[in-house]
């Protein structure tokens, strides 16, 4: 169901889940304002226990959010659940003529055209913000809505640690939110009882390999991040995780202190197939559905996944390896048109920049010696100008790309954001570009010559490759991309 369809209803009820947090409240409030401005008679409600969390109470009061606590509800023509799914265990069931769902969790109910669910997003606030943007909603004239959505994202992604999609990061940097109020709300989140919960979680720590695991009782998810920030300072923990029951599953918070363990990768590995997870290199989080575990205890499942993660990978350093590339088959890169953009065509020389793509953020400097390559699947990566001129020829055409998310470049100094595509041109590989490559027999983490602090991950069947001109320039090519872009010599 689209927002344009919802506007055709005369009366609408928006329902938050039964333990309202800032994310569900922000989503409900944003939709309430959108519909109210278009003349729809709309209510914003929740059931369950009344709200007592100090930051949530302050959020509702300060932003004048018309959230009603109800025990029963006259049958509405349209009932919309936000950050939850109609009929699921964390939301009171009310009869209605028709329902719609806006959520970012895994599908828990029968699918239909009235469900708008994007589990790849870190918060439901991100989903609602993106939908309102597409409807040309005037955020500048509705600062309270902007503030609520940014705060909803902040709390649901553990202050950005669990951001899973570039849209999450775009909302976090969206102008117009009252950051002073958000700071006040973040600093009003703890009660004395919360402090005791954190203390008990810290006392439960156990070491699994080089990863610390801590169990907490059910609590506000932000407490998990607070406890994890403390635990990661333990000398014997290369990485740590705090987990707790949450709604109909288990919430995770992860912190990494070692370059060989990416927090977002560990979160994705643990939750794959049973929930969702993501974040950044050092901070991440996730959610595991109890239903998806099919009777296995969450603690036993998490322990097994932590052990499996640590034994899964070969770790390869481009400047220190003994891989015999010379004996591998040789491949020539096909002259398929791809894109490139000199970084100085986007920002001035010396500007620290972040390249934002679906694969994550990559930091570099704008320089006449650094280009950005855009692959056939929309993947973006830096390349030295000298290597580009050696391996590629420039084509006369502008470059176009159809992708779910258009890659952008952000100045780390000013925050200015610019798209890559307007500066992009087409190019194709020189016929002389030959690499030695072979499929991985085991998952691997590759530290490339480009970045000694961040690794690229490869799965079994992906290709590890290096140009014949230098076997220290190691990189990974996803198997589906490799077979489209290389052929045997």
Protein backbone atom coordinates (compact mmCIF):
# COMPACT_ATOMS: atom_id res chain seq x y z
CA UNK A 1 0.00 0.00 0.00
CA UNK A 2 1.29 3.44 -0.93
CA UNK A 3 0.88 6.69 0.99
CA UNK A 4 -1.17 8.01 -1.93
CA UNK A 5 -3.65 5.13 -1.42
CA UNK A 6 -3.89 5.78 2.31
CA UNK A 7 -4.89 9.41 1.70
CA UNK A 8 -8.07 8.16 -0.05
CA UNK A 9 -9.43 6.86 3.30
CA UNK A 10 -11.57 9.27 5.35
CA UNK A 11 -10.52 7.81 8.71
CA UNK A 12 -7.32 6.01 9.64
CA UNK A 13 -5.87 4.61 12.88
CA UNK A 14 -2.09 4.26 13.25
CA UNK A 15 -0.94 1.74 15.86
CA UNK A 16 2.47 1.50 17.52
CA UNK A 17 3.62 -1.76 19.11
CA UNK A 18 2.78 -2.49 22.74
CA UNK A 19 6.13 -1.39 24.18
CA UNK A 20 6.51 1.88 22.28
CA UNK A 21 10.07 2.98 21.63
CA UNK A 22 11.18 6.14 19.80
CA UNK A 23 11.27 4.38 16.42
CA UNK A 24 7.65 3.20 16.38
CA UNK A 25 6.46 6.51 17.88
CA UNK A 26 8.42 8.57 15.35
CA UNK A 27 6.96 6.56 12.45
CA UNK A 28 3.43 6.88 13.76
CA UNK A 29 3.87 10.61 14.39
CA UNK A 30 5.29 11.24 10.91
CA UNK A 31 2.41 9.40 9.21
CA UNK A 32 -0.10 11.13 11.51
CA UNK A 33 1.24 14.56 10.46
CA UNK A 34 1.34 13.61 6.77
CA UNK A 35 -2.27 12.38 6.77
CA UNK A 36 -3.56 15.24 8.95
CA UNK A 37 -2.15 17.81 6.54
CA UNK A 38 -4.09 16.10 3.75
CA UNK A 39 -7.40 16.25 5.55
CA UNK A 40 -7.58 12.66 6.79
CA UNK A 41 -9.12 12.09 10.22
CA UNK A 42 -6.41 10.08 11.96
CA UNK A 43 -5.60 8.73 15.42
CA UNK A 44 -2.24 7.55 16.78
CA UNK A 45 -2.56 4.82 19.43
CA UNK A 46 -0.83 2.06 21.38
CA UNK A 47 -2.00 -0.63 23.82
CA UNK A 48 -0.07 -2.63 26.41
CA UNK A 49 1.51 -1.10 29.50
CA UNK A 50 1.61 2.68 29.74
CA UNK A 51 4.87 4.39 28.78
CA UNK A 52 7.21 5.19 31.68
CA UNK A 53 10.69 5.41 30.06
CA UNK A 54 11.93 8.93 30.81
CA UNK A 55 13.35 9.62 27.34
CA UNK A 56 10.16 8.40 25.61
CA UNK A 57 7.91 10.44 27.92
CA UNK A 58 10.08 13.51 27.26
CA UNK A 59 10.03 12.87 23.49
CA UNK A 60 6.23 12.70 23.39
CA UNK A 61 5.82 15.80 25.53
CA UNK A 62 8.45 18.00 23.87
CA UNK A 63 7.45 17.18 20.29
CA UNK A 64 3.68 17.33 21.05
CA UNK A 65 3.04 13.84 19.74
CA UNK A 66 -0.70 12.97 20.00
CA UNK A 67 -0.14 9.36 21.10
CA UNK A 68 -3.16 7.80 22.86
CA UNK A 69 -3.11 4.80 25.19
CA UNK A 70 -6.18 2.63 24.47
CA UNK A 71 -7.66 -0.57 25.85
CA UNK A 72 -10.29 -1.03 23.14
CA UNK A 73 -10.86 0.43 19.70
CA UNK A 74 -13.97 0.93 17.54
CA UNK A 75 -13.49 -1.00 14.30
CA UNK A 76 -11.56 1.30 11.92
CA UNK A 77 -11.80 1.22 8.15
CA UNK A 78 -8.02 1.19 7.92
CA UNK A 79 -5.54 0.26 10.68
CA UNK A 80 -1.85 0.86 10.03
CA UNK A 81 0.82 -0.75 12.20
CA UNK A 82 4.25 0.88 12.24
CA UNK A 83 7.49 -0.86 13.29
CA UNK A 84 5.40 -4.00 13.88
CA UNK A 85 3.11 -6.33 11.95
CA UNK A 86 -0.65 -6.73 12.39
CA UNK A 87 -1.34 -9.99 14.20
CA UNK A 88 2.23 -10.41 15.50
CA UNK A 89 2.97 -11.08 19.16
CA UNK A 90 4.21 -7.61 20.10
CA UNK A 91 1.11 -5.68 19.07
CA UNK A 92 -2.44 -5.92 20.50
CA UNK A 93 -4.95 -7.24 18.00
CA UNK A 94 -7.82 -4.92 17.08
CA UNK A 95 -10.47 -5.83 14.52
CA UNK A 96 -10.50 -3.66 11.40
CA UNK A 97 -11.92 -3.60 7.87
CA UNK A 98 -8.45 -3.45 6.33
CA UNK A 99 -4.91 -3.21 7.63
CA UNK A 100 -1.55 -2.04 6.30
CA UNK A 101 1.95 -2.60 7.67
CA UNK A 102 5.07 -0.44 7.55
CA UNK A 103 8.00 -2.26 9.14
CA UNK A 104 11.71 -3.10 8.92
CA UNK A 105 11.70 -6.52 10.60
CA UNK A 106 11.50 -9.94 8.95
CA UNK A 107 8.11 -10.92 7.58
CA UNK A 108 6.11 -12.56 10.38
CA UNK A 109 2.63 -12.72 8.82
CA UNK A 110 1.11 -13.72 5.49
CA UNK A 111 2.41 -11.47 2.74
CA UNK A 112 0.10 -9.12 0.82
CA UNK A 113 0.18 -5.94 -1.26
CA UNK A 114 -0.67 -3.94 1.87
CA UNK A 115 2.64 -4.78 3.56
CA UNK A 116 5.60 -2.43 3.11
CA UNK A 117 8.49 -4.25 4.78
CA UNK A 118 12.19 -3.54 4.26
CA UNK A 119 14.31 -5.62 6.68
CA UNK A 120 17.50 -4.30 5.08
CA UNK A 121 16.90 -0.97 6.85
CA UNK A 122 18.17 -0.30 10.36
CA UNK A 123 15.01 1.47 11.48
CA UNK A 124 11.39 1.89 10.45
CA UNK A 125 12.00 5.64 10.71
CA UNK A 126 14.29 5.33 7.67
CA UNK A 127 11.48 3.68 5.69
CA UNK A 128 8.89 6.33 6.59
CA UNK A 129 11.36 9.17 5.94
CA UNK A 130 12.15 7.79 2.48
CA UNK A 131 8.45 7.36 1.63
CA UNK A 132 7.65 10.91 2.79
CA UNK A 133 10.54 12.30 0.74
CA UNK A 134 9.10 10.67 -2.37
CA UNK A 135 5.75 12.35 -1.58
CA UNK A 136 7.53 15.76 -1.38
CA UNK A 137 6.70 16.13 2.31
CA UNK A 138 7.85 19.52 3.63
CA UNK A 139 10.32 18.50 6.33
CA UNK A 140 11.56 22.09 6.71
CA UNK A 141 8.09 23.17 7.87
CA UNK A 142 7.76 20.13 10.16
CA UNK A 143 10.92 20.13 12.25
CA UNK A 144 9.28 18.04 14.98
CA UNK A 145 8.74 15.21 12.48
CA UNK A 146 12.35 15.42 11.29
CA UNK A 147 13.60 15.36 14.87
CA UNK A 148 11.42 12.40 15.79
CA UNK A 149 12.55 10.35 12.79
CA UNK A 150 16.26 11.06 13.33
CA UNK A 151 15.87 10.17 17.02
CA UNK A 152 13.94 7.02 16.10
CA UNK A 153 16.79 5.98 13.84
CA UNK A 154 19.38 6.87 16.49
CA UNK A 155 17.80 4.68 19.15
CA UNK A 156 16.93 1.75 16.92
CA UNK A 157 20.41 1.53 15.41
CA UNK A 158 22.24 2.02 18.71
CA UNK A 159 23.38 5.50 17.64
CA UNK A 160 24.28 4.34 14.14
CA UNK A 161 26.07 1.15 15.17
CA UNK A 162 23.38 -1.00 13.57
CA UNK A 163 22.84 1.01 10.39
CA UNK A 164 22.41 -1.52 7.60
CA UNK A 165 21.73 0.57 4.52
CA UNK A 166 23.01 3.83 3.03
CA UNK A 167 19.53 5.30 3.52
CA UNK A 168 20.06 4.91 7.29
CA UNK A 169 23.20 6.99 7.04
CA UNK A 170 21.45 9.52 4.80
CA UNK A 171 18.71 10.05 7.39
CA UNK A 172 21.27 10.36 10.19
CA UNK A 173 22.84 13.28 8.29
CA UNK A 174 19.54 14.86 7.19
CA UNK A 175 19.35 18.57 8.00
CA UNK A 176 16.61 20.07 10.16
CA UNK A 177 16.53 17.88 13.27
CA UNK A 178 16.81 19.51 16.68
CA UNK A 179 20.12 17.92 17.66
CA UNK A 180 20.15 19.67 21.04
CA UNK A 181 16.86 17.96 21.92
CA UNK A 182 18.11 14.63 20.61
CA UNK A 183 21.19 14.95 22.80
CA UNK A 184 18.96 15.70 25.79
CA UNK A 185 16.76 12.69 25.01
CA UNK A 186 19.80 10.41 24.71
CA UNK A 187 21.01 11.61 28.09
CA UNK A 188 17.63 10.94 29.71
CA UNK A 189 17.47 7.24 28.85
CA UNK A 190 18.75 5.61 32.06
CA UNK A 191 16.97 4.93 35.32
CA UNK A 192 18.53 3.43 38.44
CA UNK A 193 16.93 0.10 37.47
CA UNK A 194 18.61 0.36 34.05
CA UNK A 195 21.97 0.85 35.73
CA UNK A 196 21.46 -2.38 37.68
CA UNK A 197 20.60 -4.21 34.45
CA UNK A 198 23.89 -3.07 32.90
CA UNK A 199 25.82 -4.13 36.02
CA UNK A 200 24.30 -7.63 35.91
CA UNK A 201 25.06 -7.94 32.19
CA UNK A 202 28.71 -7.04 32.73
CA UNK A 203 29.01 -9.66 35.47
CA UNK A 204 27.80 -12.39 33.07
CA UNK A 205 30.75 -12.16 30.67
CA UNK A 206 32.37 -15.27 29.18
CA UNK A 207 35.13 -15.63 26.60
CA UNK A 208 34.46 -17.61 23.40
CA UNK A 209 37.76 -17.70 21.52
CA UNK A 210 38.67 -14.01 21.33
CA UNK A 211 35.06 -12.78 21.55
CA UNK A 212 33.41 -11.77 24.81
CA UNK A 213 29.74 -12.74 25.19
CA UNK A 214 27.50 -11.10 27.79
CA UNK A 215 23.89 -11.96 28.57
CA UNK A 216 21.40 -9.30 29.72
CA UNK A 217 17.84 -9.43 30.88
CA UNK A 218 15.15 -7.88 28.68
CA UNK A 219 15.71 -4.12 28.51
CA UNK A 220 15.80 -1.04 26.33
CA UNK A 221 18.08 -1.95 23.37
CA UNK A 222 20.21 1.14 24.00
CA UNK A 223 21.35 -0.40 27.29
CA UNK A 224 22.97 -3.20 25.29
CA UNK A 225 25.10 -0.70 23.40
CA UNK A 226 25.99 1.08 26.64
CA UNK A 227 27.12 -2.21 28.22
CA UNK A 228 28.97 -3.24 25.05
CA UNK A 229 30.94 0.02 24.95
CA UNK A 230 32.20 -0.75 28.45
CA UNK A 231 32.92 -4.44 27.78
CA UNK A 232 34.93 -3.81 24.61
CA UNK A 233 37.64 -2.20 26.75
CA UNK A 234 38.47 -5.59 28.30
CA UNK A 235 42.00 -6.50 27.25
CA UNK A 236 41.25 -10.11 26.26
CA UNK A 237 38.26 -9.21 24.03
CA UNK A 238 39.05 -8.64 20.35
CA UNK A 239 35.31 -8.26 19.96
CA UNK A 240 32.35 -8.35 22.34
CA UNK A 241 28.61 -8.95 22.15
CA UNK A 242 25.78 -8.25 24.57
CA UNK A 243 22.44 -9.95 23.90
CA UNK A 244 19.01 -9.89 25.54
CA UNK A 245 15.42 -11.04 24.96
CA UNK A 246 13.51 -8.41 22.99
CA UNK A 247 9.93 -8.59 21.70
CA UNK A 248 9.63 -12.00 19.98
CA UNK A 249 13.33 -12.64 19.74
CA UNK A 250 16.80 -11.62 20.86
CA UNK A 251 18.54 -8.28 20.35
CA UNK A 252 22.33 -8.10 19.84
CA UNK A 253 24.88 -5.34 20.27
CA UNK A 254 28.42 -5.88 18.98
CA UNK A 255 31.68 -3.94 19.28
CA UNK A 256 35.01 -4.79 17.63
CA UNK A 257 38.50 -3.68 18.63
CA UNK A 258 40.50 -5.79 16.15
CA UNK A 259 40.87 -5.06 12.43
CA UNK A 260 40.46 -8.78 11.66
CA UNK A 261 36.87 -8.79 12.98
CA UNK A 262 34.30 -6.44 11.48
CA UNK A 263 31.34 -5.91 13.79
CA UNK A 264 28.85 -5.58 10.92
CA UNK A 265 30.08 -8.82 9.36
CA UNK A 266 29.76 -10.72 12.63
CA UNK A 267 26.23 -9.35 13.10
CA UNK A 268 25.24 -10.41 9.58
CA UNK A 269 26.81 -13.86 10.05
CA UNK A 270 25.00 -14.58 13.31
CA UNK A 271 21.59 -13.36 12.11
CA UNK A 272 21.70 -14.78 8.57
CA UNK A 273 18.50 -16.68 7.90
CA UNK A 274 17.05 -16.05 11.38
CA UNK A 275 16.85 -12.28 11.61
CA UNK A 276 18.73 -9.20 10.46
CA UNK A 277 21.96 -7.46 11.37
CA UNK A 278 24.31 -4.73 10.25
CA UNK A 279 26.22 -1.65 11.25
CA UNK A 280 29.76 -0.38 10.83
CA UNK A 281 33.25 -1.83 11.10
CA UNK A 282 33.48 -1.19 14.85
CA UNK A 283 29.82 -1.07 15.95
CA UNK A 284 26.91 -3.25 14.92
CA UNK A 285 23.75 -4.89 16.13
CA UNK A 286 21.08 -7.31 15.12
CA UNK A 287 17.92 -9.21 15.90
CA UNK A 288 17.20 -12.95 16.00
CA UNK A 289 13.64 -14.20 15.68
CA UNK A 290 12.73 -16.84 18.27
CA UNK A 291 10.35 -18.43 15.77
CA UNK A 292 13.19 -18.83 13.24
CA UNK A 293 15.30 -20.74 15.78
CA UNK A 294 12.73 -23.57 15.77
CA UNK A 295 13.18 -24.54 19.42
CA UNK A 296 16.95 -23.95 19.72
CA UNK A 297 17.86 -21.70 22.65
CA UNK A 298 19.10 -18.26 21.68
CA UNK A 299 22.15 -18.61 23.92
CA UNK A 300 23.15 -21.97 22.43
CA UNK A 301 22.61 -20.66 18.90
CA UNK A 302 24.69 -17.52 19.52
CA UNK A 303 27.53 -19.52 21.10
CA UNK A 304 27.67 -21.91 18.15
CA UNK A 305 27.64 -19.06 15.63
CA UNK A 306 30.44 -17.20 17.44
CA UNK A 307 32.57 -20.36 17.38
CA UNK A 308 31.78 -20.98 13.71
CA UNK A 309 32.62 -17.40 12.73
CA UNK A 310 36.09 -17.56 14.25
CA UNK A 311 36.98 -20.80 12.47
CA UNK A 312 35.44 -19.82 9.13
CA UNK A 313 37.98 -17.52 7.49
CA UNK A 314 41.46 -17.50 6.05
CA UNK A 315 43.01 -14.10 6.74
CA UNK A 316 45.24 -12.84 3.91
CA UNK A 317 47.47 -9.76 3.95
CA UNK A 318 48.44 -8.37 0.55
CA UNK A 319 51.91 -7.40 1.73
CA UNK A 320 52.60 -10.70 3.52
CA UNK A 321 51.27 -13.88 1.94
CA UNK A 322 52.51 -17.11 0.35
CA UNK A 323 49.75 -17.61 -2.22
CA UNK A 324 51.07 -19.17 -5.44
CA UNK A 325 49.36 -16.91 -7.98
CA UNK A 326 51.87 -17.89 -10.69
CA UNK A 327 50.37 -21.38 -10.90
CA UNK A 328 46.78 -20.14 -11.16
CA UNK A 329 44.87 -19.89 -14.46
CA UNK A 330 45.12 -16.59 -16.30
CA UNK A 331 42.13 -14.48 -17.28
CA UNK A 332 41.65 -11.40 -19.41
CA UNK A 333 39.15 -8.75 -18.39
CA UNK A 334 36.42 -8.33 -20.99
CA UNK A 335 36.01 -4.88 -22.58
CA UNK A 336 32.59 -4.35 -21.01
CA UNK A 337 31.72 -0.66 -20.53
CA UNK A 338 31.87 0.38 -16.88
CA UNK A 339 32.07 3.77 -15.20
CA UNK A 340 34.77 5.92 -13.71
CA UNK A 341 34.95 9.38 -12.14
CA UNK A 342 38.04 11.36 -11.11
CA UNK A 343 37.56 12.34 -7.48
CA UNK A 344 38.67 15.94 -8.22
CA UNK A 345 35.68 16.27 -10.57
CA UNK A 346 33.48 15.81 -7.48
CA UNK A 347 35.45 17.56 -4.70
CA UNK A 348 38.53 19.76 -4.57
CA UNK A 349 42.02 18.33 -4.25
CA UNK A 350 42.84 17.17 -0.72
CA UNK A 351 39.23 16.98 0.50
CA UNK A 352 38.66 13.96 2.81
CA UNK A 353 35.74 12.09 1.28
CA UNK A 354 33.51 9.12 1.99
CA UNK A 355 32.15 7.06 -0.88
CA UNK A 356 28.69 5.79 0.13
CA UNK A 357 27.35 2.68 -1.61
CA UNK A 358 25.22 -0.37 -0.85
CA UNK A 359 28.42 -2.23 0.03
CA UNK A 360 29.28 0.31 2.73
CA UNK A 361 31.35 3.47 3.17
CA UNK A 362 34.89 3.82 1.80
CA UNK A 363 37.13 6.68 2.95
CA UNK A 364 39.79 8.31 0.76
CA UNK A 365 41.04 11.75 -0.34
CA UNK A 366 39.96 13.65 -3.42
CA UNK A 367 43.05 13.72 -5.59
CA UNK A 368 44.04 13.90 -9.23
CA UNK A 369 45.70 10.52 -8.55
CA UNK A 370 42.52 8.80 -7.32
CA UNK A 371 39.59 7.72 -9.50
CA UNK A 372 36.38 5.95 -8.56
CA UNK A 373 35.40 2.87 -10.55
CA UNK A 374 31.72 1.87 -10.94
CA UNK A 375 31.23 -1.80 -11.77
CA UNK A 376 28.49 -3.61 -13.68
CA UNK A 377 26.49 -4.25 -10.48
CA UNK A 378 26.91 -0.65 -9.25
CA UNK A 379 29.79 -1.51 -6.92
CA UNK A 380 32.17 1.44 -6.35
CA UNK A 381 35.83 1.30 -5.37
CA UNK A 382 38.87 3.62 -5.59
CA UNK A 383 41.67 3.03 -8.06
CA UNK A 384 45.01 4.78 -8.55
CA UNK A 385 45.07 6.92 -11.68
CA UNK A 386 48.25 5.18 -12.88
CA UNK A 387 46.58 1.76 -12.62
CA UNK A 388 43.48 3.09 -14.38
CA UNK A 389 45.51 4.45 -17.29
CA UNK A 390 47.40 1.17 -17.54
CA UNK A 391 44.35 -1.11 -17.45
CA UNK A 392 41.47 0.88 -19.00
CA UNK A 393 40.67 2.96 -22.06
CA UNK A 394 38.25 5.88 -21.93
CA UNK A 395 35.10 5.69 -24.06
CA UNK A 396 33.36 8.77 -25.49
CA UNK A 397 30.00 8.13 -23.77
CA UNK A 398 28.65 9.40 -20.48
CA UNK A 399 28.02 6.60 -17.99
CA UNK A 400 24.52 5.66 -16.84
CA UNK A 401 23.49 3.24 -14.11
CA UNK A 402 20.20 1.83 -12.88
CA UNK A 403 20.55 0.81 -9.24
CA UNK A 404 18.49 0.57 -6.05
CA UNK A 405 20.67 3.24 -4.47
CA UNK A 406 22.70 5.80 -6.40
CA UNK A 407 26.24 5.96 -4.99
CA UNK A 408 27.24 9.31 -3.49
CA UNK A 409 30.39 11.04 -2.24
CA UNK A 410 30.36 12.96 1.03
CA UNK A 411 32.87 15.49 2.30
CA UNK A 412 34.10 14.40 5.72
CA UNK A 413 34.91 18.05 6.47
CA UNK A 414 31.74 19.92 5.44
CA UNK A 415 29.18 17.13 5.16
CA UNK A 416 28.31 18.15 1.59
CA UNK A 417 26.91 15.23 -0.38
CA UNK A 418 27.27 14.85 -4.15
CA UNK A 419 26.21 12.06 -6.54
CA UNK A 420 28.93 10.27 -8.50
CA UNK A 421 27.02 9.67 -11.73
CA UNK A 422 26.97 13.28 -13.06
CA UNK A 423 30.79 13.15 -13.09
CA UNK A 424 31.04 9.61 -14.43
CA UNK A 425 32.24 8.59 -17.88
CA UNK A 426 32.41 5.21 -19.58
CA UNK A 427 35.53 3.11 -19.93
CA UNK A 428 36.47 -0.45 -20.80
CA UNK A 429 39.33 -2.73 -19.87
CA UNK A 430 42.39 -2.86 -22.10
CA UNK A 431 42.80 -6.22 -23.79
CA UNK A 432 46.20 -6.42 -22.10
CA UNK A 433 44.79 -6.57 -18.57
CA UNK A 434 45.54 -10.12 -17.45
CA UNK A 435 45.12 -11.51 -13.96
CA UNK A 436 45.88 -14.78 -12.23
CA UNK A 437 42.81 -15.99 -10.39
CA UNK A 438 41.16 -18.98 -8.77
CA UNK A 439 37.96 -19.62 -6.80
CA UNK A 440 38.26 -19.57 -3.04
CA UNK A 441 38.09 -22.98 -1.40
CA UNK A 442 37.41 -21.33 1.96
CA UNK A 443 35.91 -18.01 3.01
CA UNK A 444 38.57 -15.33 3.29
CA UNK A 445 39.29 -11.85 4.60
CA UNK A 446 41.64 -9.90 2.34
CA UNK A 447 43.60 -6.86 3.45
CA UNK A 448 44.37 -5.13 0.15
CA UNK A 449 47.25 -2.87 -0.81
CA UNK A 450 44.71 -0.04 -0.91
CA UNK A 451 43.67 -0.25 2.73
CA UNK A 452 45.64 -2.11 5.40
CA UNK A 453 43.01 -1.46 8.09
CA UNK A 454 39.81 -2.69 6.41
CA UNK A 455 39.42 -6.07 4.78
CA UNK A 456 37.21 -7.31 1.99
CA UNK A 457 35.38 -10.59 2.52
CA UNK A 458 35.10 -13.39 0.00
CA UNK A 459 32.90 -16.45 0.08
CA UNK A 460 33.68 -19.94 -1.19
CA UNK A 461 33.44 -19.75 -4.98
CA UNK A 462 34.33 -16.07 -5.20
CA UNK A 463 37.61 -15.41 -7.02
CA UNK A 464 40.87 -14.25 -5.49
CA UNK A 465 42.88 -12.44 -8.13
CA UNK A 466 46.06 -10.45 -8.72
CA UNK A 467 47.41 -8.87 -11.91
CA UNK A 468 50.40 -10.58 -13.46
CA UNK A 469 52.25 -7.28 -13.03
CA UNK A 470 52.26 -7.64 -9.24
CA UNK A 471 51.05 -10.41 -6.92
CA UNK A 472 50.76 -8.07 -3.93
CA UNK A 473 47.80 -6.26 -5.51
CA UNK A 474 45.26 -8.83 -4.27
CA UNK A 475 41.53 -8.40 -4.55
CA UNK A 476 38.27 -10.37 -4.46
CA UNK A 477 35.73 -10.59 -7.27
CA UNK A 478 32.28 -11.98 -6.53
CA UNK A 479 31.72 -15.15 -8.53
CA UNK A 480 28.70 -13.83 -10.45
CA UNK A 481 30.62 -10.69 -11.45
CA UNK A 482 33.81 -12.59 -12.32
CA UNK A 483 32.09 -14.81 -14.88
CA UNK A 484 30.48 -11.77 -16.49
CA UNK A 485 33.66 -9.72 -16.72
CA UNK A 486 36.59 -12.13 -17.26
CA UNK A 487 37.40 -14.87 -19.75
CA UNK A 488 40.23 -17.45 -19.76
CA UNK A 489 43.38 -16.46 -21.62
